[in-house]
Amino acid sequence: MKTYLVTGGAGFIGSNFILYMLKMYDAIKIINIDKLTYAGNLENLKEVENNANHIFAKVDICDKEALMKIFEEYRIDYVVNFAAESHVDRSIHDPEVFIKTNVLGTQNLLDAAKKAWETRAGFDRRKKFIQISTDEVYGSLGDTGYFIENTALDPHSPYAASKAAADLLVKSYYDTYRMPVNITRCSNNYGPYQFPEKLIPLIINNCLNKKTLPIYGDGLNIRDWLYVEDHCRAIDKVINKGLIGEVYNVGGHNERTNIQIVKTIINYMSENLDKSISEDLIRYVEDRKGHDRRYGIDPTKIKEALGWEPTTLFEEGIKKTIHWYTKNKAWLDGVVSGEYANYFKKMYEDS
């Protein structure tokens, strides 16, 4: 039985990954550690709370001693590091917490894994450290072209800079110690359990509550969208088949402007849920500082090397996502009324 240490496993992508893996495999054990900040929610994992192969511990990856205890207690085969502060807007207002968690926390995790896995003869090659990163480390694209794995890192926000620094630390542990690592860099994820500070759940939530829909700048910033379950399949492929030391870009082939996303959600919700939801709710607001114009990922490497490609078309995925949030409004109301409520209100709701 392989044992996975999943950090940030109560967050959006981390919880979806755990649910996916426990559906796919019987003979695995997942040790899920999470600090349980505003974006970490054990409600995401209700369906596996009685699963003996899922063990949760409230641990901050900045706590070296707690991490070492985890590695001493369990024989960890794979580390999958989702733990991160990830909200770009908040990184602009408070960069320090991003450096602590995303950079220093990653280093602590690397050191704990290194100590556990290193032998006199070198590293146990049956182990692997997977760093879950983002396309934002590459900076911004023009009207054409795509990010590939050797595109130069050029982060433009404190969040992106902290993730780029973490990636370089992970790379350095491979280059220096030959620690078995992979780095994945994904495009914008969407789907169930995403905290509504991010565009798609924010717009769905505001539509449900007839609140204004804030759009940065002219709304023409472009992102590549990836349904979260497709991302989980990609990570599984990298764990099992990825070549040690390699970076894999994970993209959805679903480029859309922000205003296209918003109008798609409005139109679908108006037609299927409430005809009073309309584009009249849209409000253009001052653009975000350092707002990258376009992201686009070329996933050719992971497709050709590992046989992965996205299977969820955006038109299908956005409907599934809207349905999930409308059927789980209690979950939605709960997360926006919790610890993060005051900041959430200040950033996104009408004054």
Protein backbone atom coordinates (compact mmCIF):
# COMPACT_ATOMS: atom_id res chain seq x y z
CA MET A 1 0.00 0.00 0.00
CA LYS A 2 1.45 3.35 -1.07
CA THR A 3 1.16 6.27 1.33
CA TYR A 4 0.61 9.80 0.05
CA LEU A 5 1.23 12.94 2.11
CA VAL A 6 -1.12 15.55 0.66
CA THR A 7 -0.54 19.06 1.98
CA GLY A 8 -3.36 21.58 1.73
CA GLY A 9 -5.75 18.68 1.31
CA ALA A 10 -8.74 20.56 2.72
CA GLY A 11 -8.46 23.25 0.05
CA PHE A 12 -10.01 23.38 -3.40
CA ILE A 13 -7.66 21.34 -5.59
CA GLY A 14 -6.24 19.31 -2.71
CA SER A 15 -9.64 18.03 -1.59
CA ASN A 16 -10.67 17.23 -5.15
CA PHE A 17 -7.41 15.30 -5.58
CA ILE A 18 -8.03 13.26 -2.43
CA LEU A 19 -11.59 12.44 -3.47
CA TYR A 20 -10.37 11.45 -6.94
CA MET A 21 -7.56 9.23 -5.68
CA LEU A 22 -9.69 7.41 -3.14
CA LYS A 23 -12.24 6.67 -5.86
CA MET A 24 -9.55 5.42 -8.24
CA TYR A 25 -7.45 3.29 -5.88
CA ASP A 26 -8.28 0.93 -3.04
CA ALA A 27 -4.75 0.12 -1.91
CA ILE A 28 -3.52 3.60 -0.99
CA LYS A 29 -3.39 5.60 2.21
CA ILE A 30 -3.61 9.40 2.23
CA ILE A 31 -2.25 11.48 5.09
CA ASN A 32 -3.91 14.85 4.65
CA ILE A 33 -2.39 17.83 6.44
CA ASP A 34 -3.85 21.31 6.33
CA LYS A 35 -3.54 24.45 8.44
CA LEU A 36 -7.29 25.08 7.94
CA THR A 37 -7.10 28.75 7.04
CA TYR A 38 -10.23 30.39 5.60
CA ALA A 39 -9.77 28.42 2.35
CA GLY A 40 -9.36 25.04 4.03
CA ASN A 41 -12.63 23.30 4.80
CA LEU A 42 -13.10 19.75 6.05
CA GLU A 43 -16.67 19.90 4.73
CA ASN A 44 -15.02 19.32 1.33
CA LEU A 45 -14.08 15.83 2.51
CA LYS A 46 -17.34 14.72 4.12
CA GLU A 47 -17.72 11.76 1.81
CA VAL A 48 -14.40 10.25 2.97
CA GLU A 49 -14.49 11.22 6.65
CA ASN A 50 -15.13 7.57 7.59
CA ASN A 51 -12.68 6.13 5.08
CA ALA A 52 -9.88 4.34 6.96
CA ASN A 53 -7.48 5.17 4.12
CA HIS A 54 -7.82 8.91 4.75
CA ILE A 55 -6.16 10.39 7.84
CA PHE A 56 -6.37 14.10 8.59
CA ALA A 57 -4.03 16.12 10.82
CA LYS A 58 -4.15 19.86 11.38
CA VAL A 59 -0.56 20.81 10.55
CA ASP A 60 1.05 23.97 9.21
CA ILE A 61 3.88 23.27 6.76
CA CYS A 62 5.76 26.14 8.41
CA ASP A 63 5.94 23.99 11.58
CA LYS A 64 9.15 21.95 11.14
CA GLU A 65 8.65 19.83 14.23
CA ALA A 66 5.10 18.84 13.28
CA LEU A 67 6.23 17.90 9.77
CA MET A 68 9.03 15.70 11.09
CA LYS A 69 6.55 13.89 13.35
CA ILE A 70 4.39 13.10 10.32
CA PHE A 71 7.35 11.56 8.49
CA GLU A 72 8.36 9.64 11.60
CA GLU A 73 4.87 8.28 12.16
CA TYR A 74 4.10 7.30 8.57
CA ARG A 75 6.18 5.76 5.82
CA ILE A 76 5.52 8.40 3.18
CA ASP A 77 6.00 7.34 -0.45
CA TYR A 78 4.77 10.48 -2.21
CA VAL A 79 4.46 14.11 -1.14
CA VAL A 80 1.96 16.16 -3.14
CA ASN A 81 2.31 19.79 -2.11
CA PHE A 82 -0.87 21.79 -2.66
CA ALA A 83 -0.40 23.89 0.50
CA ALA A 84 -0.20 27.53 -0.53
CA GLU A 85 -1.65 30.95 -0.11
CA SER A 86 -3.12 31.43 -3.57
CA HIS A 87 -5.21 34.59 -3.81
CA VAL A 88 -3.42 37.17 -5.97
CA ASP A 89 -5.37 40.14 -4.59
CA ARG A 90 -4.48 39.23 -1.02
CA SER A 91 -0.81 38.84 -1.95
CA ILE A 92 -0.84 42.45 -3.16
CA HIS A 93 -2.18 43.62 0.22
CA ASP A 94 -0.16 41.24 2.43
CA PRO A 95 2.85 39.65 0.69
CA GLU A 96 4.56 38.40 3.86
CA VAL A 97 2.21 35.49 4.56
CA PHE A 98 2.73 34.27 0.97
CA ILE A 99 6.50 34.17 1.43
CA LYS A 100 6.18 32.32 4.73
CA THR A 101 3.81 29.62 3.50
CA ASN A 102 4.70 29.26 -0.15
CA VAL A 103 8.50 29.57 0.12
CA LEU A 104 9.59 28.75 3.67
CA GLY A 105 6.84 26.16 4.08
CA THR A 106 7.94 24.41 0.89
CA GLN A 107 11.53 24.38 2.09
CA ASN A 108 10.46 22.82 5.40
CA LEU A 109 8.58 20.13 3.51
CA LEU A 110 11.53 19.45 1.23
CA ASP A 111 13.85 19.12 4.22
CA ALA A 112 11.51 16.74 6.04
CA ALA A 113 11.16 14.54 2.96
CA LYS A 114 14.90 14.66 2.28
CA LYS A 115 15.69 13.51 5.81
CA ALA A 116 13.18 10.68 5.58
CA TRP A 117 14.11 9.45 2.11
CA GLU A 118 17.87 9.93 1.87
CA THR A 119 20.06 6.90 2.45
CA ARG A 120 23.81 6.30 2.39
CA ALA A 121 23.48 5.10 -1.19
CA GLY A 122 21.40 8.09 -2.25
CA PHE A 123 17.68 8.69 -2.42
CA ASP A 124 15.07 5.97 -2.30
CA ARG A 125 13.94 6.17 -5.93
CA ARG A 126 10.54 4.74 -5.05
CA LYS A 127 9.69 8.09 -3.44
CA LYS A 128 8.66 11.31 -5.11
CA PHE A 129 7.95 14.96 -4.22
CA ILE A 130 5.36 16.67 -6.44
CA GLN A 131 5.25 20.46 -6.34
CA ILE A 132 1.90 21.82 -7.52
CA SER A 133 2.56 25.19 -9.14
CA THR A 134 0.86 27.62 -11.50
CA ASP A 135 1.21 29.14 -14.96
CA GLU A 136 1.39 32.55 -13.25
CA VAL A 137 5.11 31.98 -12.61
CA TYR A 138 5.70 32.59 -16.33
CA GLY A 139 4.28 36.11 -16.32
CA SER A 140 2.11 37.41 -19.15
CA LEU A 141 1.73 36.49 -22.82
CA GLY A 142 0.96 38.70 -25.77
CA ASP A 143 -1.81 38.00 -28.25
CA THR A 144 -0.09 34.85 -29.54
CA GLY A 145 2.08 32.03 -28.27
CA TYR A 146 1.92 29.70 -25.28
CA PHE A 147 3.86 28.89 -22.15
CA ILE A 148 6.08 25.83 -22.48
CA GLU A 149 8.10 24.17 -19.75
CA ASN A 150 11.30 26.09 -20.51
CA THR A 151 9.61 29.50 -20.80
CA ALA A 152 11.57 31.88 -18.56
CA LEU A 153 9.99 32.57 -15.17
CA ASP A 154 8.77 36.18 -14.98
CA PRO A 155 6.28 36.51 -12.10
CA HIS A 156 4.38 39.78 -11.76
CA SER A 157 2.59 39.49 -8.41
CA PRO A 158 3.84 38.60 -4.92
CA TYR A 159 1.81 35.39 -5.17
CA ALA A 160 3.39 34.39 -8.48
CA ALA A 161 6.85 35.34 -7.19
CA SER A 162 6.40 33.16 -4.11
CA LYS A 163 5.37 30.20 -6.26
CA ALA A 164 8.30 30.74 -8.62
CA ALA A 165 10.67 30.84 -5.65
CA ALA A 166 9.20 27.59 -4.34
CA ASP A 167 9.57 25.96 -7.75
CA LEU A 168 13.22 26.96 -7.87
CA LEU A 169 13.80 25.52 -4.41
CA VAL A 170 12.27 22.22 -5.51
CA LYS A 171 14.42 22.24 -8.66
CA SER A 172 17.51 22.97 -6.57
CA TYR A 173 16.89 19.90 -4.39
CA TYR A 174 16.93 17.79 -7.56
CA ASP A 175 19.98 19.53 -9.01
CA THR A 176 21.96 19.49 -5.74
CA TYR A 177 20.87 16.29 -4.02
CA ARG A 178 19.18 14.37 -6.85
CA MET A 179 16.03 14.32 -4.76
CA PRO A 180 13.19 12.70 -6.78
CA VAL A 181 10.88 15.59 -7.67
CA ASN A 182 8.45 16.81 -10.29
CA ILE A 183 6.86 20.22 -10.75
CA THR A 184 3.46 20.71 -12.38
CA ARG A 185 2.25 24.10 -13.57
CA CYS A 186 -1.44 24.31 -14.29
CA SER A 187 -3.80 26.83 -15.81
CA ASN A 188 -6.80 28.27 -13.92
CA ASN A 189 -8.77 25.49 -12.24
CA TYR A 190 -12.52 25.55 -11.71
CA GLY A 191 -15.06 23.13 -10.29
CA PRO A 192 -16.58 22.04 -6.94
CA TYR A 193 -15.32 23.31 -3.57
CA GLN A 194 -13.48 26.40 -4.89
CA PHE A 195 -13.55 29.28 -2.42
CA PRO A 196 -15.60 32.18 -3.86
CA GLU A 197 -12.77 34.69 -3.94
CA LYS A 198 -11.93 33.25 -7.38
CA LEU A 199 -13.73 34.43 -10.49
CA ILE A 200 -16.12 31.58 -11.34
CA PRO A 201 -17.52 30.81 -7.86
CA LEU A 202 -17.56 34.53 -7.04
CA ILE A 203 -19.76 35.25 -10.05
CA ILE A 204 -22.03 32.28 -9.35
CA ASN A 205 -22.42 33.30 -5.70
CA ASN A 206 -23.11 36.94 -6.56
CA CYS A 207 -25.66 35.94 -9.19
CA LEU A 208 -27.45 33.73 -6.66
CA ASN A 209 -27.56 36.65 -4.22
CA LYS A 210 -28.27 39.36 -6.84
CA LYS A 211 -25.07 41.20 -5.98
CA THR A 212 -23.03 43.18 -8.46
CA LEU A 213 -20.46 41.31 -10.54
CA PRO A 214 -17.08 43.10 -10.30
CA ILE A 215 -14.92 42.87 -13.42
CA TYR A 216 -11.35 44.16 -13.35
CA GLY A 217 -10.37 46.70 -16.00
CA ASP A 218 -11.92 46.09 -19.41
CA GLY A 219 -12.63 42.42 -18.73
CA LEU A 220 -10.48 41.29 -21.65
CA ASN A 221 -7.76 39.54 -19.66
CA ILE A 222 -7.48 35.97 -20.94
CA ARG A 223 -7.03 32.78 -18.91
CA ASP A 224 -6.84 29.12 -19.87
CA TRP A 225 -9.43 27.16 -17.85
CA LEU A 226 -9.00 23.58 -16.63
CA TYR A 227 -11.69 21.49 -14.95
CA VAL A 228 -10.31 20.36 -11.59
CA GLU A 229 -10.87 16.62 -12.13
CA ASP A 230 -8.79 16.80 -15.33
CA HIS A 231 -6.04 18.39 -13.25
CA CYS A 232 -6.28 15.58 -10.69
CA ARG A 233 -5.84 12.99 -13.46
CA ALA A 234 -2.76 14.85 -14.67
CA ILE A 235 -1.16 14.86 -11.22
CA ASP A 236 -1.82 11.12 -10.90
CA LYS A 237 -0.06 10.58 -14.24
CA VAL A 238 2.95 12.64 -13.14
CA ILE A 239 3.24 10.75 -9.85
CA ASN A 240 3.22 7.38 -11.57
CA LYS A 241 4.91 8.09 -14.89
CA GLY A 242 6.66 11.45 -14.69
CA LEU A 243 10.40 11.45 -15.32
CA ILE A 244 12.31 12.51 -12.21
CA GLY A 245 13.35 16.18 -12.29
CA GLU A 246 10.93 17.18 -15.05
CA VAL A 247 8.39 20.01 -15.19
CA TYR A 248 4.98 19.35 -16.76
CA ASN A 249 2.57 22.08 -17.87
CA VAL A 250 -1.10 21.17 -17.45
CA GLY A 251 -3.48 23.20 -19.60
CA GLY A 252 -7.11 22.98 -20.60
CA HIS A 253 -7.18 24.31 -24.20
CA ASN A 254 -9.97 26.61 -22.97
CA GLU A 255 -8.87 30.22 -23.34
CA ARG A 256 -11.57 32.74 -22.48
CA THR A 257 -11.65 36.43 -21.57
CA ASN A 258 -12.91 37.21 -18.10
CA ILE A 259 -15.96 38.97 -19.51
CA GLN A 260 -16.76 35.90 -21.64
CA ILE A 261 -16.69 33.76 -18.51
CA VAL A 262 -18.99 36.15 -16.66
CA LYS A 263 -21.49 36.40 -19.50
CA THR A 264 -21.50 32.61 -19.98
CA ILE A 265 -22.43 32.15 -16.32
CA ILE A 266 -25.08 34.89 -16.44
CA ASN A 267 -26.69 33.50 -19.58
CA TYR A 268 -26.81 29.94 -18.30
CA MET A 269 -28.15 30.89 -14.87
CA SER A 270 -30.72 33.24 -16.41
CA GLU A 271 -31.99 30.59 -18.81
CA ASN A 272 -32.05 27.71 -16.32
CA LEU A 273 -32.45 29.17 -12.83
CA ASP A 274 -33.65 32.76 -12.58
CA LYS A 275 -34.54 35.06 -15.48
CA SER A 276 -33.88 38.14 -13.32
CA ILE A 277 -30.13 37.38 -13.41
CA SER A 278 -28.80 39.63 -16.15
CA GLU A 279 -25.80 41.53 -17.43
CA ASP A 280 -27.14 44.58 -15.59
CA LEU A 281 -25.31 43.20 -12.54
CA ILE A 282 -21.90 43.70 -14.19
CA ARG A 283 -19.73 46.49 -12.80
CA TYR A 284 -16.29 47.30 -14.21
CA VAL A 285 -13.88 48.19 -11.40
CA GLU A 286 -10.33 49.53 -11.18
CA ASP A 287 -7.89 47.02 -12.59
CA ARG A 288 -5.76 44.87 -10.33
CA LYS A 289 -2.16 46.03 -9.87
CA GLY A 290 0.21 44.09 -12.14
CA HIS A 291 -2.71 42.28 -13.80
CA ASP A 292 -1.30 39.87 -16.40
CA ARG A 293 -3.05 40.19 -19.75
CA ARG A 294 -3.03 36.62 -21.01
CA TYR A 295 -2.08 33.11 -19.92
CA GLY A 296 -2.03 30.14 -22.26
CA ILE A 297 -0.43 26.72 -21.73
CA ASP A 298 0.93 24.32 -24.32
CA PRO A 299 0.36 20.85 -22.77
CA THR A 300 2.11 18.95 -25.58
CA LYS A 301 4.81 17.54 -23.29
CA ILE A 302 2.46 15.89 -20.79
CA LYS A 303 0.27 14.60 -23.63
CA GLU A 304 3.13 13.02 -25.56
CA ALA A 305 5.18 11.80 -22.59
CA LEU A 306 2.45 10.67 -20.20
CA GLY A 307 -0.66 10.27 -22.33
CA TRP A 308 -2.71 12.92 -20.54
CA GLU A 309 -5.05 15.44 -22.09
CA PRO A 310 -8.12 17.26 -20.77
CA THR A 311 -11.43 15.54 -21.38
CA THR A 312 -13.88 18.13 -20.01
CA LEU A 313 -14.91 20.79 -22.52
CA PHE A 314 -15.47 24.17 -20.92
CA GLU A 315 -19.11 24.22 -22.02
CA GLU A 316 -19.66 20.98 -20.09
CA GLY A 317 -17.47 21.86 -17.11
CA ILE A 318 -19.04 25.25 -16.45
CA LYS A 319 -22.54 23.72 -16.39
CA LYS A 320 -21.39 21.03 -13.94
CA THR A 321 -19.80 23.71 -11.79
CA ILE A 322 -22.86 25.97 -11.73
CA HIS A 323 -25.05 22.97 -10.85
CA TRP A 324 -22.74 21.99 -7.99
CA TYR A 325 -22.78 25.46 -6.41
CA THR A 326 -26.52 25.88 -6.76
CA LYS A 327 -27.11 22.44 -5.19
CA ASN A 328 -24.63 23.18 -2.40
CA LYS A 329 -25.69 26.69 -1.42
CA ALA A 330 -25.38 25.83 2.28
CA TRP A 331 -21.68 25.09 1.71
CA LEU A 332 -21.32 28.35 -0.23
CA ASP A 333 -23.08 30.42 2.42
CA GLY A 334 -20.99 28.79 5.11
CA VAL A 335 -17.60 29.58 3.61
CA VAL A 336 -18.39 33.23 2.86
CA SER A 337 -19.67 33.81 6.39
CA GLY A 338 -16.62 32.36 8.12
CA GLU A 339 -13.21 33.70 9.09
CA TYR A 340 -12.66 35.38 5.73
CA ALA A 341 -16.01 37.23 5.69
CA ASN A 342 -14.75 40.75 6.51
CA TYR A 343 -11.96 40.68 3.95
CA PHE A 344 -14.23 39.07 1.37
CA LYS A 345 -16.82 41.81 1.88
CA LYS A 346 -14.25 44.58 1.64
CA MET A 347 -12.76 43.21 -1.58
CA TYR A 348 -15.82 42.14 -3.51
CA GLU A 349 -19.17 43.25 -2.18
CA ASP A 350 -20.96 46.57 -2.41
CA SER A 351 -19.92 49.08 0.24
